[in-house]
């Protein structure tokens, strides 16, 4: 049987030279002979390599491969932990500077993160699929961004809230969807929905996607869940964050019901009636603090026919005025968990004087206890429960500047150790009084507009008059990433 013939119109190497602006006279006609597909591919590429200086090209692609390999092994930022630790965000893409607090339009946060038609670099000579562009979002303004409609975040985005001057950024009035926003890094920003947001919606929702990390994020006032991850989702980290005050009559911290792993690390759940969180799937729950849950429950262990596999280690649960049930509820034999050193203070006497819960069905509900820990990505340093409480109190949420909401939750409620706390339906009334006032501040001078201040560039050997923020430094991070990572 004759070997199949590859139809080429025009041949690969002709497309190559045409896209580089070369003329046909430079071609070797012998390359155009139709032979078998496999043989043709091999012959074409071997001759093509020779024709365009194989040694130099090989060296180029070797160095490029090394760069790609190096980038793929990088953490999202130094110290990133958990299942989402290797999210790449906008690395290698453009920098978008948010210059105003408008709901939409050029220079707005919505424009920066949600344009669906952004496209990435395209090869000059190969017909490659166009993917969404990587984008790193920085801020030249601080304050409250009032939004009417939900924001939909695109994939391959880094949101560097720590770059905002003054008191940072609060997004207020509706929620944010990260569904399909794979490979995103979100740090040091506040998302506060409120009673004016879409009915039955979450402050943050993720229904599908992978490789996301939320670090030092303050999330509150959801009308359904506050931070919900529910669906075909994998490799997510929530670290050093605050998930607070889901609004009545459906006051929920959030569902964590996924096909892949979710890590929740050093995060505060506070003033949520239930689902602090509710977990089904693969979960790493380490060094968290849960305060003043209501009658729906603290950590809800599956309550489902589906299988779950969790590590629940060195967490702190503190009853508040609204608490009427134990820390762990609604587990069953399908919830397989390694539990260790979880601390529960139930007496509401204003002193942290609880006890470690032994692994019994009375303390944890009737789950399937595991004798060894699941081998999941975990924390770099495992804190004792009391050290975890101190760490969360000191730095959870968008803590570069704590606004009046987080300050009240931490300094008045959590610090009362059981005496102060409430489930709320309207965050605009006392004692919360809405999102407060966020000082705008003054951005540092940035002559080339690349998102990196002149002073930093001069001190670190880059050019303050050249847009070089997307260049990859020797450590594998882009120049802009090294700057934003230096701020916290």
Foldseek 3Di string as FASTA:
>chain_A
DFADWDDPDPHQVVLQQVLVVHDPVLDDVVLRDIHHPVVNVVVNVVVVCVSVPVVVVVVVVVVVVVLVVLLQPDFCEPQQFFLQRRQVALALFAEQEQEDLEQDDHSHPLVQFADPPAWDDDDSRDPDDTDHHAYEYAYQWAWEREYQAEREGAARHEDQQLRFFFQTYEYEAEAYEDAQRARYEYEQYEQEHFPNYDAPDENYEYAAYENYEYAQYEWEATNAEGHEYAYAYARYEYELAEQEFHAPPHFAPYEAAYQYEYEYYLYEYAQGQAPLPEYDAEYEYALYEYEAHAPHEHYEQHLDPHAYEYEHEQAEYFHAPRYDDAHADNAEARREYAYYQYWYHYPLPQDRDTDGDDPDCVRHNHYHYDPDHDPTIGGPDGDHNVVSLVSSLQGGHSVVRDFPQNCCCRVPPVNSRHYDGHRHNGQCDPPNNPRHITDTHGRADQQCPRSAHPVVCVVVVHDSNDNQQSPADPSSGGNNSVRSSVSD
